N, C-alpha and C. Protein backbone atom coordinates (compact mmCIF):
# COMPACT_ATOMS: atom_id res chain seq x y z
N MET A 1 -10.56 -142.39 46.02
CA MET A 1 -9.70 -143.38 46.62
C MET A 1 -10.56 -144.47 47.23
N LYS A 2 -10.15 -145.71 47.05
CA LYS A 2 -10.91 -146.84 47.55
C LYS A 2 -10.81 -146.94 49.08
N GLU A 3 -11.97 -147.18 49.70
CA GLU A 3 -11.98 -147.32 51.14
C GLU A 3 -11.68 -148.77 51.52
N ASN A 4 -10.84 -148.94 52.52
CA ASN A 4 -10.45 -150.28 52.94
C ASN A 4 -11.52 -150.91 53.81
N ARG A 5 -11.69 -152.22 53.66
CA ARG A 5 -12.62 -152.96 54.50
C ARG A 5 -12.02 -153.25 55.86
N PHE A 6 -10.72 -153.34 55.92
CA PHE A 6 -10.02 -153.72 57.15
C PHE A 6 -9.15 -152.55 57.61
N SER A 7 -9.15 -152.32 58.91
CA SER A 7 -8.30 -151.28 59.46
C SER A 7 -6.87 -151.81 59.57
N GLU A 8 -5.95 -150.91 59.84
CA GLU A 8 -4.55 -151.30 59.98
C GLU A 8 -4.39 -152.29 61.14
N GLU A 9 -5.11 -152.05 62.23
CA GLU A 9 -5.02 -152.94 63.39
C GLU A 9 -5.54 -154.33 63.07
N GLN A 10 -6.62 -154.40 62.30
CA GLN A 10 -7.17 -155.70 61.91
C GLN A 10 -6.18 -156.46 61.03
N LYS A 11 -5.54 -155.75 60.13
CA LYS A 11 -4.56 -156.37 59.25
C LYS A 11 -3.39 -156.92 60.07
N MET A 12 -2.95 -156.14 61.07
CA MET A 12 -1.85 -156.59 61.92
C MET A 12 -2.25 -157.83 62.71
N LEU A 13 -3.50 -157.89 63.17
CA LEU A 13 -3.97 -159.07 63.90
C LEU A 13 -3.98 -160.30 62.99
N VAL A 14 -4.39 -160.12 61.76
CA VAL A 14 -4.40 -161.24 60.81
C VAL A 14 -2.98 -161.72 60.56
N VAL A 15 -2.04 -160.80 60.42
CA VAL A 15 -0.64 -161.18 60.18
C VAL A 15 -0.10 -161.93 61.39
N ARG A 16 -0.43 -161.47 62.60
CA ARG A 16 0.02 -162.21 63.80
C ARG A 16 -0.57 -163.61 63.82
N GLU A 17 -1.81 -163.73 63.38
CA GLU A 17 -2.44 -165.05 63.32
C GLU A 17 -1.73 -165.93 62.30
N MET A 18 -1.33 -165.33 61.18
CA MET A 18 -0.59 -166.10 60.16
C MET A 18 0.75 -166.55 60.73
N GLU A 19 1.42 -165.66 61.45
CA GLU A 19 2.73 -165.99 62.00
C GLU A 19 2.65 -167.03 63.11
N SER A 20 1.48 -167.14 63.74
CA SER A 20 1.32 -168.14 64.81
C SER A 20 1.02 -169.53 64.25
N GLY A 21 0.85 -169.62 62.94
CA GLY A 21 0.69 -170.93 62.33
C GLY A 21 -0.65 -171.21 61.70
N ALA A 22 -1.52 -170.24 61.60
CA ALA A 22 -2.83 -170.45 60.97
C ALA A 22 -2.65 -170.67 59.47
N GLU A 23 -3.52 -171.47 58.90
CA GLU A 23 -3.47 -171.74 57.46
C GLU A 23 -3.89 -170.50 56.68
N VAL A 24 -3.10 -170.17 55.68
CA VAL A 24 -3.37 -168.98 54.88
C VAL A 24 -4.67 -169.14 54.09
N THR A 25 -4.89 -170.30 53.54
CA THR A 25 -6.12 -170.52 52.76
C THR A 25 -7.36 -170.40 53.63
N ASP A 26 -7.30 -170.92 54.86
CA ASP A 26 -8.43 -170.81 55.77
C ASP A 26 -8.69 -169.36 56.17
N LEU A 27 -7.63 -168.63 56.46
CA LEU A 27 -7.78 -167.21 56.81
C LEU A 27 -8.39 -166.43 55.65
N GLY A 28 -7.88 -166.67 54.46
CA GLY A 28 -8.39 -165.98 53.28
C GLY A 28 -9.85 -166.27 53.04
N ARG A 29 -10.22 -167.51 53.20
CA ARG A 29 -11.62 -167.90 53.00
C ARG A 29 -12.52 -167.25 54.05
N ARG A 30 -12.06 -167.25 55.29
CA ARG A 30 -12.85 -166.67 56.38
C ARG A 30 -13.02 -165.16 56.22
N LEU A 31 -11.97 -164.48 55.78
CA LEU A 31 -12.01 -163.02 55.65
C LEU A 31 -12.52 -162.55 54.30
N GLY A 32 -12.53 -163.44 53.32
CA GLY A 32 -12.98 -163.06 51.99
C GLY A 32 -11.94 -162.31 51.19
N VAL A 33 -10.67 -162.62 51.41
CA VAL A 33 -9.57 -162.01 50.66
C VAL A 33 -8.71 -163.11 50.07
N GLY A 34 -7.93 -162.76 49.08
CA GLY A 34 -7.08 -163.73 48.42
C GLY A 34 -5.76 -163.97 49.16
N ARG A 35 -5.10 -165.05 48.77
CA ARG A 35 -3.81 -165.37 49.39
C ARG A 35 -2.78 -164.28 49.13
N ALA A 36 -2.82 -163.71 47.92
CA ALA A 36 -1.86 -162.65 47.59
C ALA A 36 -2.03 -161.45 48.51
N THR A 37 -3.28 -161.14 48.84
CA THR A 37 -3.54 -160.03 49.75
C THR A 37 -2.96 -160.31 51.12
N LEU A 38 -3.15 -161.52 51.60
CA LEU A 38 -2.61 -161.88 52.92
C LEU A 38 -1.09 -161.81 52.93
N TYR A 39 -0.46 -162.28 51.88
CA TYR A 39 1.01 -162.21 51.82
C TYR A 39 1.50 -160.77 51.70
N ARG A 40 0.73 -159.93 51.00
CA ARG A 40 1.10 -158.52 50.90
C ARG A 40 1.00 -157.86 52.28
N TRP A 41 -0.05 -158.19 53.04
CA TRP A 41 -0.18 -157.68 54.41
C TRP A 41 0.99 -158.17 55.27
N GLN A 42 1.36 -159.43 55.09
CA GLN A 42 2.46 -159.99 55.88
C GLN A 42 3.76 -159.26 55.56
N LYS A 43 3.96 -158.97 54.29
CA LYS A 43 5.17 -158.26 53.89
C LYS A 43 5.20 -156.86 54.51
N ARG A 44 4.05 -156.20 54.57
CA ARG A 44 4.00 -154.84 55.09
C ARG A 44 3.99 -154.79 56.61
N TYR A 45 3.20 -155.65 57.26
CA TYR A 45 2.99 -155.54 58.70
C TYR A 45 3.72 -156.61 59.51
N GLY A 46 4.38 -157.53 58.85
CA GLY A 46 5.05 -158.60 59.57
C GLY A 46 6.14 -158.09 60.50
N GLY A 47 6.07 -158.47 61.77
CA GLY A 47 7.08 -158.08 62.74
C GLY A 47 6.99 -156.64 63.19
N MET A 48 5.92 -155.95 62.80
CA MET A 48 5.78 -154.54 63.15
C MET A 48 4.98 -154.39 64.44
N LYS A 49 5.47 -153.53 65.30
CA LYS A 49 4.77 -153.25 66.56
C LYS A 49 3.75 -152.14 66.31
N PRO A 50 2.73 -152.05 67.17
CA PRO A 50 1.71 -151.00 66.97
C PRO A 50 2.28 -149.58 66.95
N GLU A 51 3.31 -149.32 67.77
CA GLU A 51 3.92 -147.99 67.77
C GLU A 51 4.57 -147.68 66.43
N GLU A 52 5.21 -148.69 65.86
CA GLU A 52 5.84 -148.51 64.56
C GLU A 52 4.79 -148.25 63.49
N GLN A 53 3.67 -148.94 63.56
CA GLN A 53 2.61 -148.75 62.59
C GLN A 53 2.05 -147.33 62.67
N GLN A 54 1.89 -146.81 63.88
CA GLN A 54 1.41 -145.44 64.03
C GLN A 54 2.40 -144.45 63.44
N ARG A 55 3.67 -144.70 63.64
CA ARG A 55 4.71 -143.82 63.09
C ARG A 55 4.68 -143.86 61.56
N VAL A 56 4.51 -145.03 60.99
CA VAL A 56 4.43 -145.17 59.54
C VAL A 56 3.21 -144.41 59.01
N ALA A 57 2.09 -144.50 59.70
CA ALA A 57 0.88 -143.80 59.27
C ALA A 57 1.10 -142.29 59.28
N VAL A 58 1.78 -141.79 60.30
CA VAL A 58 2.06 -140.35 60.38
C VAL A 58 2.97 -139.94 59.23
N LEU A 59 3.98 -140.73 58.95
CA LEU A 59 4.91 -140.41 57.86
C LEU A 59 4.22 -140.46 56.50
N GLU A 60 3.31 -141.42 56.31
CA GLU A 60 2.58 -141.50 55.05
C GLU A 60 1.69 -140.28 54.86
N LEU A 61 1.04 -139.83 55.91
CA LEU A 61 0.21 -138.63 55.84
C LEU A 61 1.06 -137.41 55.49
N GLU A 62 2.20 -137.28 56.15
CA GLU A 62 3.09 -136.16 55.87
C GLU A 62 3.60 -136.21 54.43
N ASN A 63 3.93 -137.40 53.95
CA ASN A 63 4.40 -137.56 52.58
C ASN A 63 3.31 -137.15 51.59
N ARG A 64 2.06 -137.55 51.86
CA ARG A 64 0.95 -137.20 50.98
C ARG A 64 0.77 -135.68 50.93
N GLN A 65 0.87 -135.02 52.08
CA GLN A 65 0.72 -133.57 52.12
C GLN A 65 1.85 -132.87 51.37
N LEU A 66 3.07 -133.37 51.52
CA LEU A 66 4.20 -132.77 50.82
C LEU A 66 4.07 -132.95 49.31
N ARG A 67 3.62 -134.11 48.87
CA ARG A 67 3.42 -134.33 47.43
C ARG A 67 2.36 -133.39 46.87
N GLN A 68 1.31 -133.16 47.63
CA GLN A 68 0.27 -132.24 47.20
C GLN A 68 0.82 -130.82 47.08
N MET A 69 1.64 -130.41 48.05
CA MET A 69 2.24 -129.08 48.01
C MET A 69 3.14 -128.92 46.79
N VAL A 70 3.93 -129.94 46.49
CA VAL A 70 4.82 -129.88 45.33
C VAL A 70 4.00 -129.77 44.05
N GLY A 71 2.92 -130.52 43.97
CA GLY A 71 2.07 -130.45 42.79
C GLY A 71 1.46 -129.08 42.60
N GLU A 72 0.98 -128.48 43.68
CA GLU A 72 0.39 -127.14 43.59
C GLU A 72 1.44 -126.11 43.19
N LEU A 73 2.63 -126.21 43.75
CA LEU A 73 3.69 -125.27 43.40
C LEU A 73 4.12 -125.43 41.95
N THR A 74 4.13 -126.65 41.46
CA THR A 74 4.48 -126.89 40.06
C THR A 74 3.46 -126.23 39.13
N LEU A 75 2.18 -126.36 39.49
CA LEU A 75 1.15 -125.69 38.69
C LEU A 75 1.31 -124.18 38.73
N ASP A 76 1.63 -123.63 39.89
CA ASP A 76 1.84 -122.18 40.01
C ASP A 76 3.00 -121.73 39.13
N VAL A 77 4.08 -122.47 39.14
CA VAL A 77 5.25 -122.11 38.34
C VAL A 77 4.90 -122.15 36.85
N LYS A 78 4.19 -123.19 36.42
CA LYS A 78 3.81 -123.28 35.00
C LYS A 78 2.90 -122.12 34.61
N MET A 79 1.97 -121.76 35.49
CA MET A 79 1.06 -120.66 35.20
C MET A 79 1.83 -119.35 35.09
N LEU A 80 2.75 -119.10 36.01
CA LEU A 80 3.54 -117.86 35.97
C LEU A 80 4.43 -117.80 34.73
N ARG A 81 5.00 -118.92 34.35
CA ARG A 81 5.82 -118.94 33.14
C ARG A 81 4.98 -118.65 31.90
N ALA A 82 3.77 -119.18 31.87
CA ALA A 82 2.89 -118.93 30.73
C ALA A 82 2.51 -117.46 30.66
N VAL A 83 2.25 -116.84 31.79
CA VAL A 83 1.88 -115.42 31.82
C VAL A 83 3.07 -114.56 31.42
N LEU A 84 4.25 -114.90 31.92
CA LEU A 84 5.44 -114.10 31.60
C LEU A 84 5.91 -114.27 30.16
N SER A 85 5.58 -115.37 29.54
CA SER A 85 6.03 -115.60 28.17
C SER A 85 5.19 -114.82 27.16
N LYS A 86 4.02 -114.34 27.53
CA LYS A 86 3.16 -113.58 26.62
C LYS A 86 3.70 -112.16 26.48
N LYS A 87 3.58 -111.63 25.26
CA LYS A 87 4.02 -110.25 25.01
C LYS A 87 2.80 -109.37 25.02
N PHE A 88 2.90 -108.29 25.73
CA PHE A 88 1.76 -107.36 25.82
C PHE A 88 1.93 -106.19 24.94
């Protein structure tokens, strides 16, 4: 998985700066990111409070863990079906 250069808090600060009237092209040039990236950050973090961001991070972690559990259980079920389908 790719490691991010910017933390969630840094991204939120950039979005607040955008919302306060800073030029998007200047921000992008200063940070070394494209305009599309800045707009994607704005879409995700715009109007979000730090408490809400922490809650979203917790939910994303929980979702990732649940998806991993489902994947492991699916593999277990396929393995058991393969074993049970063989005739001894």
